[in-house]
Amino acid sequence: AVVTGASSGIGAATVCKLRADGWDVVAVARR
């Protein structure tokens, strides 16, 4: 999954959850 808005809030939490579920994640944000 490519997840945008990943630097904080729901985006960061989604990256954490998907990684815990075994997904390969590209985390995208400005910071």
mmCIF file of all heavy atoms, coordinates in Angstrom:
data_MODEL
# 
_entry.id   MODEL 
# 
loop_
_atom_site.group_PDB 
_atom_site.id 
_atom_site.type_symbol 
_atom_site.label_atom_id 
_atom_site.label_alt_id 
_atom_site.label_comp_id 
_atom_site.label_asym_id 
_atom_site.label_entity_id 
_atom_site.label_seq_id 
_atom_site.pdbx_PDB_ins_code 
_atom_site.Cartn_x 
_atom_site.Cartn_y 
_atom_site.Cartn_z 
_atom_site.occupancy 
_atom_site.B_iso_or_equiv 
_atom_site.pdbx_formal_charge 
_atom_site.auth_seq_id 
_atom_site.auth_comp_id 
_atom_site.auth_asym_id 
_atom_site.auth_atom_id 
_atom_site.pdbx_PDB_model_num 
ATOM 1   N N   . ALA A 1 1  ? 0.829  -1.201 0.000  1.00 0.00 ? 1  ALA A N   1 
ATOM 2   C CA  . ALA A 1 1  ? 0.000  0.000  0.000  1.00 0.00 ? 1  ALA A CA  1 
ATOM 3   C C   . ALA A 1 1  ? 0.863  1.249  0.000  1.00 0.00 ? 1  ALA A C   1 
ATOM 4   O O   . ALA A 1 1  ? 1.900  1.302  0.669  1.00 0.00 ? 1  ALA A O   1 
ATOM 5   C CB  . ALA A 1 1  ? -0.915 0.011  1.225  1.00 0.00 ? 1  ALA A CB  1 
ATOM 6   N N   . VAL A 1 2  ? 0.426  2.248  -0.721 1.00 0.00 ? 2  VAL A N   1 
ATOM 7   C CA  . VAL A 1 2  ? 0.972  3.596  -0.630 1.00 0.00 ? 2  VAL A CA  1 
ATOM 8   C C   . VAL A 1 2  ? -0.016 4.404  0.202  1.00 0.00 ? 2  VAL A C   1 
ATOM 9   O O   . VAL A 1 2  ? -1.201 4.474  -0.120 1.00 0.00 ? 2  VAL A O   1 
ATOM 10  C CB  . VAL A 1 2  ? 1.145  4.231  -2.022 1.00 0.00 ? 2  VAL A CB  1 
ATOM 11  C CG1 . VAL A 1 2  ? 1.511  5.707  -1.900 1.00 0.00 ? 2  VAL A CG1 1 
ATOM 12  C CG2 . VAL A 1 2  ? 2.198  3.478  -2.823 1.00 0.00 ? 2  VAL A CG2 1 
ATOM 13  N N   . VAL A 1 3  ? 0.475  4.988  1.294  1.00 0.00 ? 3  VAL A N   1 
ATOM 14  C CA  . VAL A 1 3  ? -0.381 5.725  2.225  1.00 0.00 ? 3  VAL A CA  1 
ATOM 15  C C   . VAL A 1 3  ? 0.104  7.160  2.296  1.00 0.00 ? 3  VAL A C   1 
ATOM 16  O O   . VAL A 1 3  ? 1.243  7.422  2.700  1.00 0.00 ? 3  VAL A O   1 
ATOM 17  C CB  . VAL A 1 3  ? -0.355 5.093  3.638  1.00 0.00 ? 3  VAL A CB  1 
ATOM 18  C CG1 . VAL A 1 3  ? -1.233 5.889  4.598  1.00 0.00 ? 3  VAL A CG1 1 
ATOM 19  C CG2 . VAL A 1 3  ? -0.798 3.636  3.593  1.00 0.00 ? 3  VAL A CG2 1 
ATOM 20  N N   . THR A 1 4  ? -0.762 8.100  1.922  1.00 0.00 ? 4  THR A N   1 
ATOM 21  C CA  . THR A 1 4  ? -0.396 9.510  2.011  1.00 0.00 ? 4  THR A CA  1 
ATOM 22  C C   . THR A 1 4  ? -0.838 10.086 3.357  1.00 0.00 ? 4  THR A C   1 
ATOM 23  O O   . THR A 1 4  ? -1.594 9.473  4.099  1.00 0.00 ? 4  THR A O   1 
ATOM 24  C CB  . THR A 1 4  ? -1.022 10.326 0.870  1.00 0.00 ? 4  THR A CB  1 
ATOM 25  O OG1 . THR A 1 4  ? -2.444 10.398 1.043  1.00 0.00 ? 4  THR A OG1 1 
ATOM 26  C CG2 . THR A 1 4  ? -0.711 9.719  -0.483 1.00 0.00 ? 4  THR A CG2 1 
ATOM 27  N N   . GLY A 1 5  ? -0.342 11.285 3.662  1.00 0.00 ? 5  GLY A N   1 
ATOM 28  C CA  . GLY A 1 5  ? -0.672 11.910 4.948  1.00 0.00 ? 5  GLY A CA  1 
ATOM 29  C C   . GLY A 1 5  ? -0.095 11.160 6.123  1.00 0.00 ? 5  GLY A C   1 
ATOM 30  O O   . GLY A 1 5  ? -0.652 11.179 7.226  1.00 0.00 ? 5  GLY A O   1 
ATOM 31  N N   . ALA A 1 6  ? 1.049  10.502 5.916  1.00 0.00 ? 6  ALA A N   1 
ATOM 32  C CA  . ALA A 1 6  ? 1.564  9.539  6.890  1.00 0.00 ? 6  ALA A CA  1 
ATOM 33  C C   . ALA A 1 6  ? 2.389  10.151 8.016  1.00 0.00 ? 6  ALA A C   1 
ATOM 34  O O   . ALA A 1 6  ? 2.862  9.420  8.892  1.00 0.00 ? 6  ALA A O   1 
ATOM 35  C CB  . ALA A 1 6  ? 2.416  8.489  6.161  1.00 0.00 ? 6  ALA A CB  1 
ATOM 36  N N   . SER A 1 7  ? 2.558  11.464 8.044  1.00 0.00 ? 7  SER A N   1 
ATOM 37  C CA  . SER A 1 7  ? 3.448  12.045 9.053  1.00 0.00 ? 7  SER A CA  1 
ATOM 38  C C   . SER A 1 7  ? 2.800  12.206 10.419 1.00 0.00 ? 7  SER A C   1 
ATOM 39  O O   . SER A 1 7  ? 3.499  12.426 11.409 1.00 0.00 ? 7  SER A O   1 
ATOM 40  C CB  . SER A 1 7  ? 3.974  13.411 8.575  1.00 0.00 ? 7  SER A CB  1 
ATOM 41  O OG  . SER A 1 7  ? 2.904  14.307 8.362  1.00 0.00 ? 7  SER A OG  1 
ATOM 42  N N   . SER A 1 8  ? 1.461  12.101 10.493 1.00 0.00 ? 8  SER A N   1 
ATOM 43  C CA  . SER A 1 8  ? 0.802  12.271 11.788 1.00 0.00 ? 8  SER A CA  1 
ATOM 44  C C   . SER A 1 8  ? -0.624 11.740 11.700 1.00 0.00 ? 8  SER A C   1 
ATOM 45  O O   . SER A 1 8  ? -1.106 11.365 10.625 1.00 0.00 ? 8  SER A O   1 
ATOM 46  C CB  . SER A 1 8  ? 0.767  13.756 12.207 1.00 0.00 ? 8  SER A CB  1 
ATOM 47  O OG  . SER A 1 8  ? -0.045 14.505 11.314 1.00 0.00 ? 8  SER A OG  1 
ATOM 48  N N   . GLY A 1 9  ? -1.301 11.730 12.840 1.00 0.00 ? 9  GLY A N   1 
ATOM 49  C CA  . GLY A 1 9  ? -2.724 11.456 12.885 1.00 0.00 ? 9  GLY A CA  1 
ATOM 50  C C   . GLY A 1 9  ? -3.140 10.144 12.265 1.00 0.00 ? 9  GLY A C   1 
ATOM 51  O O   . GLY A 1 9  ? -2.495 9.103  12.443 1.00 0.00 ? 9  GLY A O   1 
ATOM 52  N N   . ILE A 1 10 ? -4.242 10.173 11.509 1.00 0.00 ? 10 ILE A N   1 
ATOM 53  C CA  . ILE A 1 10 ? -4.821 8.960  10.935 1.00 0.00 ? 10 ILE A CA  1 
ATOM 54  C C   . ILE A 1 10 ? -3.857 8.312  9.948  1.00 0.00 ? 10 ILE A C   1 
ATOM 55  O O   . ILE A 1 10 ? -3.776 7.075  9.872  1.00 0.00 ? 10 ILE A O   1 
ATOM 56  C CB  . ILE A 1 10 ? -6.159 9.293  10.258 1.00 0.00 ? 10 ILE A CB  1 
ATOM 57  C CG1 . ILE A 1 10 ? -7.174 9.785  11.309 1.00 0.00 ? 10 ILE A CG1 1 
ATOM 58  C CG2 . ILE A 1 10 ? -6.718 8.073  9.525  1.00 0.00 ? 10 ILE A CG2 1 
ATOM 59  C CD1 . ILE A 1 10 ? -8.444 10.375 10.716 1.00 0.00 ? 10 ILE A CD1 1 
ATOM 60  N N   . GLY A 1 11 ? -3.116 9.114  9.198  1.00 0.00 ? 11 GLY A N   1 
ATOM 61  C CA  . GLY A 1 11 ? -2.167 8.542  8.249  1.00 0.00 ? 11 GLY A CA  1 
ATOM 62  C C   . GLY A 1 11 ? -1.093 7.722  8.928  1.00 0.00 ? 11 GLY A C   1 
ATOM 63  O O   . GLY A 1 11 ? -0.804 6.590  8.523  1.00 0.00 ? 11 GLY A O   1 
ATOM 64  N N   . ALA A 1 12 ? -0.479 8.278  9.958  1.00 0.00 ? 12 ALA A N   1 
ATOM 65  C CA  . ALA A 1 12 ? 0.564  7.553  10.692 1.00 0.00 ? 12 ALA A CA  1 
ATOM 66  C C   . ALA A 1 12 ? -0.013 6.307  11.355 1.00 0.00 ? 12 ALA A C   1 
ATOM 67  O O   . ALA A 1 12 ? 0.605  5.224  11.340 1.00 0.00 ? 12 ALA A O   1 
ATOM 68  C CB  . ALA A 1 12 ? 1.202  8.462  11.733 1.00 0.00 ? 12 ALA A CB  1 
ATOM 69  N N   . ALA A 1 13 ? -1.196 6.429  11.945 1.00 0.00 ? 13 ALA A N   1 
ATOM 70  C CA  . ALA A 1 13 ? -1.822 5.283  12.597 1.00 0.00 ? 13 ALA A CA  1 
ATOM 71  C C   . ALA A 1 13 ? -2.154 4.184  11.594 1.00 0.00 ? 13 ALA A C   1 
ATOM 72  O O   . ALA A 1 13 ? -2.040 2.986  11.894 1.00 0.00 ? 13 ALA A O   1 
ATOM 73  C CB  . ALA A 1 13 ? -3.086 5.722  13.335 1.00 0.00 ? 13 ALA A CB  1 
ATOM 74  N N   . THR A 1 14 ? -2.546 4.571  10.386 1.00 0.00 ? 14 THR A N   1 
ATOM 75  C CA  . THR A 1 14 ? -2.842 3.586  9.346  1.00 0.00 ? 14 THR A CA  1 
ATOM 76  C C   . THR A 1 14 ? -1.596 2.846  8.912  1.00 0.00 ? 14 THR A C   1 
ATOM 77  O O   . THR A 1 14 ? -1.617 1.622  8.709  1.00 0.00 ? 14 THR A O   1 
ATOM 78  C CB  . THR A 1 14 ? -3.504 4.291  8.141  1.00 0.00 ? 14 THR A CB  1 
ATOM 79  O OG1 . THR A 1 14 ? -4.764 4.832  8.556  1.00 0.00 ? 14 THR A OG1 1 
ATOM 80  C CG2 . THR A 1 14 ? -3.726 3.328  6.995  1.00 0.00 ? 14 THR A CG2 1 
ATOM 81  N N   . VAL A 1 15 ? -0.489 3.556  8.773  1.00 0.00 ? 15 VAL A N   1 
ATOM 82  C CA  . VAL A 1 15 ? 0.774  2.889  8.447  1.00 0.00 ? 15 VAL A CA  1 
ATOM 83  C C   . VAL A 1 15 ? 1.117  1.861  9.525  1.00 0.00 ? 15 VAL A C   1 
ATOM 84  O O   . VAL A 1 15 ? 1.480  0.721  9.228  1.00 0.00 ? 15 VAL A O   1 
ATOM 85  C CB  . VAL A 1 15 ? 1.910  3.917  8.294  1.00 0.00 ? 15 VAL A CB  1 
ATOM 86  C CG1 . VAL A 1 15 ? 3.268  3.205  8.172  1.00 0.00 ? 15 VAL A CG1 1 
ATOM 87  C CG2 . VAL A 1 15 ? 1.661  4.805  7.082  1.00 0.00 ? 15 VAL A CG2 1 
ATOM 88  N N   . CYS A 1 16 ? 1.000  2.262  10.785 1.00 0.00 ? 16 CYS A N   1 
ATOM 89  C CA  . CYS A 1 16 ? 1.300  1.342  11.889 1.00 0.00 ? 16 CYS A CA  1 
ATOM 90  C C   . CYS A 1 16 ? 0.415  0.101  11.824 1.00 0.00 ? 16 CYS A C   1 
ATOM 91  O O   . CYS A 1 16 ? 0.889  -1.033 11.981 1.00 0.00 ? 16 CYS A O   1 
ATOM 92  C CB  . CYS A 1 16 ? 1.095  2.044  13.232 1.00 0.00 ? 16 CYS A CB  1 
ATOM 93  S SG  . CYS A 1 16 ? 2.306  3.323  13.613 1.00 0.00 ? 16 CYS A SG  1 
ATOM 94  N N   . LYS A 1 17 ? -0.871 0.312  11.608 1.00 0.00 ? 17 LYS A N   1 
ATOM 95  C CA  . LYS A 1 17 ? -1.809 -0.810 11.600 1.00 0.00 ? 17 LYS A CA  1 
ATOM 96  C C   . LYS A 1 17 ? -1.554 -1.739 10.427 1.00 0.00 ? 17 LYS A C   1 
ATOM 97  O O   . LYS A 1 17 ? -1.548 -2.976 10.581 1.00 0.00 ? 17 LYS A O   1 
ATOM 98  C CB  . LYS A 1 17 ? -3.248 -0.266 11.562 1.00 0.00 ? 17 LYS A CB  1 
ATOM 99  C CG  . LYS A 1 17 ? -4.328 -1.335 11.479 1.00 0.00 ? 17 LYS A CG  1 
ATOM 100 C CD  . LYS A 1 17 ? -4.292 -2.285 12.671 1.00 0.00 ? 17 LYS A CD  1 
ATOM 101 C CE  . LYS A 1 17 ? -5.419 -3.303 12.572 1.00 0.00 ? 17 LYS A CE  1 
ATOM 102 N NZ  . LYS A 1 17 ? -5.298 -4.352 13.633 1.00 0.00 ? 17 LYS A NZ  1 
ATOM 103 N N   . LEU A 1 18 ? -1.344 -1.200 9.248  1.00 0.00 ? 18 LEU A N   1 
ATOM 104 C CA  . LEU A 1 18 ? -1.102 -2.051 8.084  1.00 0.00 ? 18 LEU A CA  1 
ATOM 105 C C   . LEU A 1 18 ? 0.201  -2.820 8.217  1.00 0.00 ? 18 LEU A C   1 
ATOM 106 O O   . LEU A 1 18 ? 0.280  -4.005 7.852  1.00 0.00 ? 18 LEU A O   1 
ATOM 107 C CB  . LEU A 1 18 ? -1.099 -1.216 6.804  1.00 0.00 ? 18 LEU A CB  1 
ATOM 108 C CG  . LEU A 1 18 ? -2.454 -0.626 6.386  1.00 0.00 ? 18 LEU A CG  1 
ATOM 109 C CD1 . LEU A 1 18 ? -2.296 0.179  5.100  1.00 0.00 ? 18 LEU A CD1 1 
ATOM 110 C CD2 . LEU A 1 18 ? -3.500 -1.718 6.203  1.00 0.00 ? 18 LEU A CD2 1 
ATOM 111 N N   . ARG A 1 19 ? 1.235  -2.194 8.752  1.00 0.00 ? 19 ARG A N   1 
ATOM 112 C CA  . ARG A 1 19 ? 2.489  -2.908 8.968  1.00 0.00 ? 19 ARG A CA  1 
ATOM 113 C C   . ARG A 1 19 ? 2.287  -4.045 9.981  1.00 0.00 ? 19 ARG A C   1 
ATOM 114 O O   . ARG A 1 19 ? 2.803  -5.142 9.800  1.00 0.00 ? 19 ARG A O   1 
ATOM 115 C CB  . ARG A 1 19 ? 3.574  -1.940 9.471  1.00 0.00 ? 19 ARG A CB  1 
ATOM 116 C CG  . ARG A 1 19 ? 4.133  -1.030 8.403  1.00 0.00 ? 19 ARG A CG  1 
ATOM 117 C CD  . ARG A 1 19 ? 4.922  -1.819 7.346  1.00 0.00 ? 19 ARG A CD  1 
ATOM 118 N NE  . ARG A 1 19 ? 6.062  -2.485 7.954  1.00 0.00 ? 19 ARG A NE  1 
ATOM 119 C CZ  . ARG A 1 19 ? 6.476  -3.719 7.642  1.00 0.00 ? 19 ARG A CZ  1 
ATOM 120 N NH1 . ARG A 1 19 ? 5.822  -4.441 6.746  1.00 0.00 ? 19 ARG A NH1 1 
ATOM 121 N NH2 . ARG A 1 19 ? 7.532  -4.239 8.242  1.00 0.00 ? 19 ARG A NH2 1 
ATOM 122 N N   . ALA A 1 20 ? 1.521  -3.781 11.020 1.00 0.00 ? 20 ALA A N   1 
ATOM 123 C CA  . ALA A 1 20 ? 1.247  -4.831 12.008 1.00 0.00 ? 20 ALA A CA  1 
ATOM 124 C C   . ALA A 1 20 ? 0.471  -5.983 11.385 1.00 0.00 ? 20 ALA A C   1 
ATOM 125 O O   . ALA A 1 20 ? 0.587  -7.132 11.825 1.00 0.00 ? 20 ALA A O   1 
ATOM 126 C CB  . ALA A 1 20 ? 0.463  -4.246 13.186 1.00 0.00 ? 20 ALA A CB  1 
ATOM 127 N N   . ASP A 1 21 ? -0.296 -5.695 10.345 1.00 0.00 ? 21 ASP A N   1 
ATOM 128 C CA  . ASP A 1 21 ? -1.063 -6.725 9.648  1.00 0.00 ? 21 ASP A CA  1 
ATOM 129 C C   . ASP A 1 21 ? -0.274 -7.407 8.539  1.00 0.00 ? 21 ASP A C   1 
ATOM 130 O O   . ASP A 1 21 ? -0.811 -8.248 7.821  1.00 0.00 ? 21 ASP A O   1 
ATOM 131 C CB  . ASP A 1 21 ? -2.333 -6.111 9.046  1.00 0.00 ? 21 ASP A CB  1 
ATOM 132 C CG  . ASP A 1 21 ? -3.368 -5.741 10.097 1.00 0.00 ? 21 ASP A CG  1 
ATOM 133 O OD1 . ASP A 1 21 ? -3.236 -6.201 11.252 1.00 0.00 ? 21 ASP A OD1 1 
ATOM 134 O OD2 . ASP A 1 21 ? -4.308 -4.998 9.764  1.00 0.00 ? 21 ASP A OD2 1 
ATOM 135 N N   . GLY A 1 22 ? 0.986  -7.023 8.391  1.00 0.00 ? 22 GLY A N   1 
ATOM 136 C CA  . GLY A 1 22 ? 1.839  -7.705 7.429  1.00 0.00 ? 22 GLY A CA  1 
ATOM 137 C C   . GLY A 1 22 ? 1.959  -7.059 6.065  1.00 0.00 ? 22 GLY A C   1 
ATOM 138 O O   . GLY A 1 22 ? 2.518  -7.652 5.146  1.00 0.00 ? 22 GLY A O   1 
ATOM 139 N N   . TRP A 1 23 ? 1.467  -5.834 5.928  1.00 0.00 ? 23 TRP A N   1 
ATOM 140 C CA  . TRP A 1 23 ? 1.554  -5.157 4.643  1.00 0.00 ? 23 TRP A CA  1 
ATOM 141 C C   . TRP A 1 23 ? 2.933  -4.536 4.427  1.00 0.00 ? 23 TRP A C   1 
ATOM 142 O O   . TRP A 1 23 ? 3.573  -4.076 5.369  1.00 0.00 ? 23 TRP A O   1 
ATOM 143 C CB  . TRP A 1 23 ? 0.517  -4.034 4.568  1.00 0.00 ? 23 TRP A CB  1 
ATOM 144 C CG  . TRP A 1 23 ? -0.890 -4.480 4.392  1.00 0.00 ? 23 TRP A CG  1 
ATOM 145 C CD1 . TRP A 1 23 ? -1.685 -5.098 5.321  1.00 0.00 ? 23 TRP A CD1 1 
ATOM 146 C CD2 . TRP A 1 23 ? -1.697 -4.324 3.230  1.00 0.00 ? 23 TRP A CD2 1 
ATOM 147 N NE1 . TRP A 1 23 ? -2.932 -5.337 4.806  1.00 0.00 ? 23 TRP A NE1 1 
ATOM 148 C CE2 . TRP A 1 23 ? -2.971 -4.865 3.521  1.00 0.00 ? 23 TRP A CE2 1 
ATOM 149 C CE3 . TRP A 1 23 ? -1.470 -3.766 1.971  1.00 0.00 ? 23 TRP A CE3 1 
ATOM 150 C CZ2 . TRP A 1 23 ? -4.006 -4.877 2.588  1.00 0.00 ? 23 TRP A CZ2 1 
ATOM 151 C CZ3 . TRP A 1 23 ? -2.507 -3.762 1.051  1.00 0.00 ? 23 TRP A CZ3 1 
ATOM 152 C CH2 . TRP A 1 23 ? -3.758 -4.327 1.359  1.00 0.00 ? 23 TRP A CH2 1 
ATOM 153 N N   . ASP A 1 24 ? 3.345  -4.483 3.174  1.00 0.00 ? 24 ASP A N   1 
ATOM 154 C CA  . ASP A 1 24 ? 4.472  -3.647 2.752  1.00 0.00 ? 24 ASP A CA  1 
ATOM 155 C C   . ASP A 1 24 ? 3.887  -2.259 2.511  1.00 0.00 ? 24 ASP A C   1 
ATOM 156 O O   . ASP A 1 24 ? 2.918  -2.120 1.756  1.00 0.00 ? 24 ASP A O   1 
ATOM 157 C CB  . ASP A 1 24 ? 5.078  -4.220 1.469  1.00 0.00 ? 24 ASP A CB  1 
ATOM 158 C CG  . ASP A 1 24 ? 6.279  -3.433 0.964  1.00 0.00 ? 24 ASP A CG  1 
ATOM 159 O OD1 . ASP A 1 24 ? 6.710  -2.497 1.662  1.00 0.00 ? 24 ASP A OD1 1 
ATOM 160 O OD2 . ASP A 1 24 ? 6.777  -3.763 -0.121 1.00 0.00 ? 24 ASP A OD2 1 
ATOM 161 N N   . VAL A 1 25 ? 4.437  -1.227 3.156  1.00 0.00 ? 25 VAL A N   1 
ATOM 162 C CA  . VAL A 1 25 ? 3.837  0.104  3.094  1.00 0.00 ? 25 VAL A CA  1 
ATOM 163 C C   . VAL A 1 25 ? 4.877  1.141  2.682  1.00 0.00 ? 25 VAL A C   1 
ATOM 164 O O   . VAL A 1 25 ? 5.972  1.198  3.245  1.00 0.00 ? 25 VAL A O   1 
ATOM 165 C CB  . VAL A 1 25 ? 3.232  0.507  4.457  1.00 0.00 ? 25 VAL A CB  1 
ATOM 166 C CG1 . VAL A 1 25 ? 2.658  1.920  4.388  1.00 0.00 ? 25 VAL A CG1 1 
ATOM 167 C CG2 . VAL A 1 25 ? 2.154  -0.489 4.889  1.00 0.00 ? 25 VAL A CG2 1 
ATOM 168 N N   . VAL A 1 26 ? 4.507  1.959  1.711  1.00 0.00 ? 26 VAL A N   1 
ATOM 169 C CA  . VAL A 1 26 ? 5.274  3.155  1.385  1.00 0.00 ? 26 VAL A CA  1 
ATOM 170 C C   . VAL A 1 26 ? 4.531  4.326  2.024  1.00 0.00 ? 26 VAL A C   1 
ATOM 171 O O   . VAL A 1 26 ? 3.381  4.621  1.669  1.00 0.00 ? 26 VAL A O   1 
ATOM 172 C CB  . VAL A 1 26 ? 5.392  3.365  -0.134 1.00 0.00 ? 26 VAL A CB  1 
ATOM 173 C CG1 . VAL A 1 26 ? 6.150  4.664  -0.422 1.00 0.00 ? 26 VAL A CG1 1 
ATOM 174 C CG2 . VAL A 1 26 ? 6.099  2.177  -0.788 1.00 0.00 ? 26 VAL A CG2 1 
ATOM 175 N N   . ALA A 1 27 ? 5.164  4.950  3.007  1.00 0.00 ? 27 ALA A N   1 
ATOM 176 C CA  . ALA A 1 27 ? 4.557  6.035  3.775  1.00 0.00 ? 27 ALA A CA  1 
ATOM 177 C C   . ALA A 1 27 ? 4.954  7.373  3.161  1.00 0.00 ? 27 ALA A C   1 
ATOM 178 O O   . ALA A 1 27 ? 6.148  7.666  3.027  1.00 0.00 ? 27 ALA A O   1 
ATOM 179 C CB  . ALA A 1 27 ? 5.004  5.967  5.230  1.00 0.00 ? 27 ALA A CB  1 
ATOM 180 N N   . VAL A 1 28 ? 3.956  8.175  2.814  1.00 0.00 ? 28 VAL A N   1 
ATOM 181 C CA  . VAL A 1 28 ? 4.193  9.411  2.060  1.00 0.00 ? 28 VAL A CA  1 
ATOM 182 C C   . VAL A 1 28 ? 3.688  10.622 2.852  1.00 0.00 ? 28 VAL A C   1 
ATOM 183 O O   . VAL A 1 28 ? 2.572  10.607 3.378  1.00 0.00 ? 28 VAL A O   1 
ATOM 184 C CB  . VAL A 1 28 ? 3.465  9.357  0.703  1.00 0.00 ? 28 VAL A CB  1 
ATOM 185 C CG1 . VAL A 1 28 ? 3.727  10.631 -0.102 1.00 0.00 ? 28 VAL A CG1 1 
ATOM 186 C CG2 . VAL A 1 28 ? 3.886  8.123  -0.086 1.00 0.00 ? 28 VAL A CG2 1 
ATOM 187 N N   . ALA A 1 29 ? 4.513  11.645 2.939  1.00 0.00 ? 29 ALA A N   1 
ATOM 188 C CA  . ALA A 1 29 ? 4.123  12.906 3.575  1.00 0.00 ? 29 ALA A CA  1 
ATOM 189 C C   . ALA A 1 29 ? 5.178  13.951 3.230  1.00 0.00 ? 29 ALA A C   1 
ATOM 190 O O   . ALA A 1 29 ? 6.186  13.645 2.582  1.00 0.00 ? 29 ALA A O   1 
ATOM 191 C CB  . ALA A 1 29 ? 3.978  12.752 5.090  1.00 0.00 ? 29 ALA A CB  1 
ATOM 192 N N   . ARG A 1 30 ? 4.960  15.189 3.690  1.00 0.00 ? 30 ARG A N   1 
ATOM 193 C CA  . ARG A 1 30 ? 5.902  16.264 3.395  1.00 0.00 ? 30 ARG A CA  1 
ATOM 194 C C   . ARG A 1 30 ? 7.050  16.339 4.393  1.00 0.00 ? 30 ARG A C   1 
ATOM 195 O O   . ARG A 1 30 ? 8.103  16.882 4.100  1.00 0.00 ? 30 ARG A O   1 
ATOM 196 C CB  . ARG A 1 30 ? 5.172  17.608 3.386  1.00 0.00 ? 30 ARG A CB  1 
ATOM 197 C CG  . ARG A 1 30 ? 4.142  17.770 2.271  1.00 0.00 ? 30 ARG A CG  1 
ATOM 198 C CD  . ARG A 1 30 ? 3.364  19.064 2.430  1.00 0.00 ? 30 ARG A CD  1 
ATOM 199 N NE  . ARG A 1 30 ? 2.685  19.090 3.720  1.00 0.00 ? 30 ARG A NE  1 
ATOM 200 C CZ  . ARG A 1 30 ? 2.589  20.160 4.500  1.00 0.00 ? 30 ARG A CZ  1 
ATOM 201 N NH1 . ARG A 1 30 ? 3.161  21.292 4.159  1.00 0.00 ? 30 ARG A NH1 1 
ATOM 202 N NH2 . ARG A 1 30 ? 1.945  20.100 5.636  1.00 0.00 ? 30 ARG A NH2 1 
ATOM 203 N N   . ARG A 1 31 ? 6.851  15.822 5.608  1.00 0.00 ? 31 ARG A N   1 
ATOM 204 C CA  . ARG A 1 31 ? 7.814  16.048 6.688  1.00 0.00 ? 31 ARG A CA  1 
ATOM 205 C C   . ARG A 1 31 ? 8.735  14.843 6.856  1.00 0.00 ? 31 ARG A C   1 
ATOM 206 O O   . ARG A 1 31 ? 8.363  13.819 7.411  1.00 0.00 ? 31 ARG A O   1 
ATOM 207 C CB  . ARG A 1 31 ? 7.071  16.384 7.981  1.00 0.00 ? 31 ARG A CB  1 
ATOM 208 C CG  . ARG A 1 31 ? 6.350  17.721 7.887  1.00 0.00 ? 31 ARG A CG  1 
ATOM 209 C CD  . ARG A 1 31 ? 5.564  18.051 9.133  1.00 0.00 ? 31 ARG A CD  1 
ATOM 210 N NE  . ARG A 1 31 ? 4.359  17.228 9.270  1.00 0.00 ? 31 ARG A NE  1 
ATOM 211 C CZ  . ARG A 1 31 ? 3.463  17.401 10.215 1.00 0.00 ? 31 ARG A CZ  1 
ATOM 212 N NH1 . ARG A 1 31 ? 3.618  18.345 11.121 1.00 0.00 ? 31 ARG A NH1 1 
ATOM 213 N NH2 . ARG A 1 31 ? 2.388  16.634 10.265 1.00 0.00 ? 31 ARG A NH2 1 
# 
